[in-house]
C-alpha atoms as a PDB file:
ATOM      1  CA  MET A   1      26.015  -2.343   0.687  1.00  0.00           C
ATOM      2  CA  SER A   2      23.283  -0.121   2.104  1.00  0.00           C
ATOM      3  CA  LEU A   3      24.973   3.010   0.723  1.00  0.00           C
ATOM      4  CA  GLU A   4      25.234   1.330  -2.677  1.00  0.00           C
ATOM      5  CA  LEU A   5      21.528   0.390  -2.605  1.00  0.00           C
ATOM      6  CA  ALA A   6      20.619   4.007  -1.897  1.00  0.00           C
ATOM      7  CA  LYS A   7      23.004   5.337  -4.560  1.00  0.00           C
ATOM      8  CA  ASN A   8      21.664   2.897  -7.146  1.00  0.00           C
ATOM      9  CA  HIS A   9      18.125   3.994  -6.325  1.00  0.00           C
ATOM     10  CA  LEU A  10      19.072   7.666  -6.708  1.00  0.00           C
ATOM     11  CA  GLU A  11      20.963   6.930  -9.931  1.00  0.00           C
ATOM     12  CA  LYS A  12      17.712   5.748 -11.534  1.00  0.00           C
ATOM     13  CA  HIS A  13      16.409   9.279 -10.958  1.00  0.00           C
ATOM     14  CA  GLY A  14      19.610  11.020 -12.062  1.00  0.00           C
ATOM     15  CA  LEU A  15      20.406  12.208  -8.534  1.00  0.00           C
ATOM     16  CA  ALA A  16      23.324  10.038  -7.398  1.00  0.00           C
ATOM     17  CA  ASP A  17      25.772  12.892  -8.020  1.00  0.00           C
ATOM     18  CA  ARG A  18      24.183  14.758  -5.085  1.00  0.00           C
ATOM     19  CA  VAL A  19      25.223  12.158  -2.497  1.00  0.00           C
ATOM     20  CA  GLN A  20      27.658  13.517   0.078  1.00  0.00           C
ATOM     21  CA  GLU A  21      29.930  11.330   2.193  1.00  0.00           C
ATOM     22  CA  PHE A  22      31.624  12.644   5.322  1.00  0.00           C
ATOM     23  CA  ASP A  23      34.747  11.756   7.291  1.00  0.00           C
ATOM     24  CA  THR A  24      32.670  12.064  10.471  1.00  0.00           C
ATOM     25  CA  SER A  25      29.433  10.477  11.576  1.00  0.00           C
ATOM     26  CA  SER A  26      26.117  11.929  10.432  1.00  0.00           C
ATOM     27  CA  ALA A  27      24.097   9.259  12.240  1.00  0.00           C
ATOM     28  CA  THR A  28      22.003  11.685  14.311  1.00  0.00           C
ATOM     29  CA  VAL A  29      20.160  14.848  13.338  1.00  0.00           C
ATOM     30  CA  GLU A  30      22.660  16.975  15.250  1.00  0.00           C
ATOM     31  CA  LEU A  31      25.717  15.285  13.722  1.00  0.00           C
ATOM     32  CA  ALA A  32      24.197  15.428  10.234  1.00  0.00           C
ATOM     33  CA  ALA A  33      23.390  19.131  10.581  1.00  0.00           C
ATOM     34  CA  GLN A  34      27.004  19.799  11.650  1.00  0.00           C
ATOM     35  CA  ALA A  35      28.429  17.706   8.799  1.00  0.00           C
ATOM     36  CA  VAL A  36      26.232  19.409   6.191  1.00  0.00           C
ATOM     37  CA  GLY A  37      26.481  22.863   7.738  1.00  0.00           C
ATOM     38  CA  THR A  38      22.752  23.431   8.020  1.00  0.00           C
ATOM     39  CA  GLU A  39      20.020  23.733  10.615  1.00  0.00           C
ATOM     40  CA  PRO A  40      18.654  20.516  12.215  1.00  0.00           C
ATOM     41  CA  GLY A  41      15.173  20.979  10.708  1.00  0.00           C
ATOM     42  CA  ARG A  42      16.558  20.489   7.191  1.00  0.00           C
ATOM     43  CA  ILE A  43      17.812  17.013   8.110  1.00  0.00           C
ATOM     44  CA  ALA A  44      15.085  14.684   6.837  1.00  0.00           C
ATOM     45  CA  LYS A  45      15.072  11.972   9.488  1.00  0.00           C
ATOM     46  CA  SER A  46      13.662   8.537   8.736  1.00  0.00           C
ATOM     47  CA  LEU A  47      11.614   6.977  11.512  1.00  0.00           C
ATOM     48  CA  THR A  48      10.657   3.309  11.449  1.00  0.00           C
ATOM     49  CA  TYR A  49       7.567   1.888  13.111  1.00  0.00           C
ATOM     50  CA  GLN A  50       5.967  -1.501  13.631  1.00  0.00           C
ATOM     51  CA  LYS A  51       3.107  -2.208  11.243  1.00  0.00           C
ATOM     52  CA  ASP A  52       2.021  -5.621  10.059  1.00  0.00           C
ATOM     53  CA  ASP A  53       4.914  -7.652   8.657  1.00  0.00           C
ATOM     54  CA  THR A  54       6.494  -4.836   6.661  1.00  0.00           C
ATOM     55  CA  GLY A  55       7.003  -1.959   9.057  1.00  0.00           C
ATOM     56  CA  LEU A  56       6.345   1.691   8.219  1.00  0.00           C
ATOM     57  CA  LEU A  57       8.768   4.490   7.372  1.00  0.00           C
ATOM     58  CA  ILE A  58       8.040   8.173   7.967  1.00  0.00           C
ATOM     59  CA  VAL A  59      10.415  10.909   6.873  1.00  0.00           C
ATOM     60  CA  ALA A  60      10.090  14.101   8.930  1.00  0.00           C
ATOM     61  CA  ALA A  61      11.950  17.344   9.581  1.00  0.00           C
ATOM     62  CA  GLY A  62      14.824  16.797  11.980  1.00  0.00           C
ATOM     63  CA  ASP A  63      13.605  19.285  14.553  1.00  0.00           C
ATOM     64  CA  THR A  64      10.213  17.639  15.097  1.00  0.00           C
ATOM     65  CA  ARG A  65       8.821  14.899  17.320  1.00  0.00           C
ATOM     66  CA  VAL A  66       6.104  12.429  16.435  1.00  0.00           C
ATOM     67  CA  SER A  67       2.819  13.088  18.208  1.00  0.00           C
ATOM     68  CA  ASN A  68       1.338   9.829  19.465  1.00  0.00           C
ATOM     69  CA  LYS A  69      -2.157  11.311  19.155  1.00  0.00           C
ATOM     70  CA  LYS A  70      -1.654  12.394  15.529  1.00  0.00           C
ATOM     71  CA  PHE A  71       0.049   9.110  14.648  1.00  0.00           C
ATOM     72  CA  LYS A  72      -2.857   7.089  16.024  1.00  0.00           C
ATOM     73  CA  ALA A  73      -5.386   9.287  14.200  1.00  0.00           C
ATOM     74  CA  GLN A  74      -3.484   8.835  10.912  1.00  0.00           C
ATOM     75  CA  PHE A  75      -2.651   5.131  11.083  1.00  0.00           C
ATOM     76  CA  GLY A  76      -5.214   3.738  13.523  1.00  0.00           C
ATOM     77  CA  MET A  77      -2.577   2.294  15.831  1.00  0.00           C
ATOM     78  CA  LYS A  78      -0.182   3.284  18.576  1.00  0.00           C
ATOM     79  CA  ALA A  79       3.244   4.526  17.439  1.00  0.00           C
ATOM     80  CA  ARG A  80       5.732   1.768  18.270  1.00  0.00           C
ATOM     81  CA  MET A  81       9.246   2.069  16.931  1.00  0.00           C
ATOM     82  CA  LEU A  82      10.727  -0.972  15.216  1.00  0.00           C
ATOM     83  CA  PRO A  83      13.052  -2.871  17.535  1.00  0.00           C
ATOM     84  CA  PRO A  84      16.679  -2.102  16.565  1.00  0.00           C
ATOM     85  CA  GLU A  85      17.288  -5.693  15.496  1.00  0.00           C
ATOM     86  CA  GLU A  86      14.487  -5.439  12.892  1.00  0.00           C
ATOM     87  CA  VAL A  87      15.413  -2.102  11.318  1.00  0.00           C
ATOM     88  CA  GLU A  88      17.910  -3.416   8.758  1.00  0.00           C
ATOM     89  CA  GLU A  89      15.697  -6.399   7.899  1.00  0.00           C
ATOM     90  CA  LYS A  90      12.681  -4.148   7.175  1.00  0.00           C
ATOM     91  CA  THR A  91      14.509  -1.194   5.531  1.00  0.00           C
ATOM     92  CA  ASN A  92      17.750  -2.620   4.041  1.00  0.00           C
ATOM     93  CA  HIS A  93      19.611   0.035   6.071  1.00  0.00           C
ATOM     94  CA  GLN A  94      21.289   0.097   9.471  1.00  0.00           C
ATOM     95  CA  ILE A  95      20.326   2.568  12.181  1.00  0.00           C
ATOM     96  CA  GLY A  96      22.075   5.863  11.488  1.00  0.00           C
ATOM     97  CA  GLY A  97      21.718   5.481   7.717  1.00  0.00           C
ATOM     98  CA  VAL A  98      18.032   4.643   7.315  1.00  0.00           C
ATOM     99  CA  CYS A  99      16.523   6.413   4.329  1.00  0.00           C
ATOM    100  CA  PRO A 100      13.657   5.858   1.870  1.00  0.00           C
ATOM    101  CA  PHE A 101      16.025   4.915  -0.985  1.00  0.00           C
ATOM    102  CA  GLY A 102      16.620   1.265  -1.825  1.00  0.00           C
ATOM    103  CA  VAL A 103      14.044   0.018   0.662  1.00  0.00           C
ATOM    104  CA  PRO A 104      11.918  -3.075  -0.032  1.00  0.00           C
ATOM    105  CA  ALA A 105       8.940  -2.309  -2.288  1.00  0.00           C
ATOM    106  CA  THR A 106       6.659  -3.626   0.464  1.00  0.00           C
ATOM    107  CA  LEU A 107       7.764  -0.952   2.978  1.00  0.00           C
ATOM    108  CA  PRO A 108       5.212   1.893   3.055  1.00  0.00           C
ATOM    109  CA  VAL A 109       6.893   5.312   3.027  1.00  0.00           C
ATOM    110  CA  TYR A 110       5.197   8.577   4.018  1.00  0.00           C
ATOM    111  CA  LEU A 111       6.525  12.125   4.231  1.00  0.00           C
ATOM    112  CA  ASP A 112       5.502  14.351   7.119  1.00  0.00           C
ATOM    113  CA  GLU A 113       4.100  17.820   6.444  1.00  0.00           C
ATOM    114  CA  SER A 114       6.909  19.289   8.591  1.00  0.00           C
ATOM    115  CA  LEU A 115       9.255  18.960   5.600  1.00  0.00           C
ATOM    116  CA  LYS A 116       7.184  21.366   3.509  1.00  0.00           C
ATOM    117  CA  LYS A 117       8.548  24.413   5.326  1.00  0.00           C
ATOM    118  CA  TYR A 118      11.922  23.809   3.640  1.00  0.00           C
ATOM    119  CA  ASP A 119      12.874  24.059  -0.001  1.00  0.00           C
ATOM    120  CA  VAL A 120      15.904  21.774   0.367  1.00  0.00           C
ATOM    121  CA  VAL A 121      16.371  18.892   2.814  1.00  0.00           C
ATOM    122  CA  TYR A 122      19.083  16.330   3.545  1.00  0.00           C
ATOM    123  CA  PRO A 123      17.998  12.738   4.153  1.00  0.00           C
ATOM    124  CA  ALA A 124      20.551  10.063   5.011  1.00  0.00           C
ATOM    125  CA  CYS A 125      21.779   7.933   2.139  1.00  0.00           C
ATOM    126  CA  GLY A 126      22.195   4.432   3.515  1.00  0.00           C
ATOM    127  CA  SER A 127      25.193   4.902   5.795  1.00  0.00           C
ATOM    128  CA  SER A 128      26.002   6.675   9.046  1.00  0.00           C
ATOM    129  CA  ASN A 129      28.214   9.190   7.251  1.00  0.00           C
ATOM    130  CA  SER A 130      26.231  10.208   4.173  1.00  0.00           C
ATOM    131  CA  CYS A 131      23.322  12.295   2.967  1.00  0.00           C
ATOM    132  CA  VAL A 132      21.803  13.580  -0.251  1.00  0.00           C
ATOM    133  CA  ARG A 133      20.678  17.142  -1.036  1.00  0.00           C
ATOM    134  CA  LEU A 134      17.134  17.151  -2.447  1.00  0.00           C
ATOM    135  CA  THR A 135      14.277  19.544  -2.874  1.00  0.00           C
ATOM    136  CA  VAL A 136      11.155  18.460  -1.017  1.00  0.00           C
ATOM    137  CA  ASP A 137       9.451  17.701  -4.344  1.00  0.00           C
ATOM    138  CA  GLU A 138      12.400  15.539  -5.409  1.00  0.00           C
ATOM    139  CA  LEU A 139      12.296  13.712  -2.079  1.00  0.00           C
ATOM    140  CA  TYR A 140       8.604  12.992  -2.565  1.00  0.00           C
ATOM    141  CA  THR A 141       9.170  11.599  -6.051  1.00  0.00           C
ATOM    142  CA  VAL A 142      12.339   9.609  -5.344  1.00  0.00           C
ATOM    143  CA  SER A 143      11.125   8.162  -2.042  1.00  0.00           C
ATOM    144  CA  GLY A 144       8.092   6.554  -3.639  1.00  0.00           C
ATOM    145  CA  ALA A 145       6.043   8.056  -0.818  1.00  0.00           C
ATOM    146  CA  LEU A 146       2.441   6.957  -0.567  1.00  0.00           C
ATOM    147  CA  GLY A 147       1.477  10.450   0.548  1.00  0.00           C
ATOM    148  CA  TRP A 148       1.870  13.312   2.984  1.00  0.00           C
ATOM    149  CA  VAL A 149       0.913  12.865   6.635  1.00  0.00           C
ATOM    150  CA  ASP A 150       0.753  15.211   9.611  1.00  0.00           C
ATOM    151  CA  VAL A 151       2.075  13.222  12.553  1.00  0.00           C
ATOM    152  CA  THR A 152       4.593  15.582  14.160  1.00  0.00           C
ATOM    153  CA  GLU A 153       4.480  18.478  16.590  1.00  0.00           C
END
């Protein structure tokens, strides 16, 4: 169902034909990079944090880590990951397939500046064995991002 939500979202933008499904897991940055045949930085990882009742989703380059100091400066709160049992409820996707496509309209999505060093990136597509090939500009448009942030090191 999660994969279908993501595909339907991408279809509205004419991009569903770019979805790739694999016979192996792509649930981690390393596994996704192997499945796609690319470097880990091009894997656009989706990170979910606690914020109010909705949560918060940040998409960042796969080879980065969130800086607690930068996160707090940007959002005015400590970076606390969503508990695993809340991820699907807040994002419509299970861990390993979380992406900014087909998420509830109330979930704020931001893209991290770390993605801008790549022309093409590969975010997950709703399942632990899928991704979609997008330019960074396409990702920004299709994700419904509220803006760019600089929260990684």
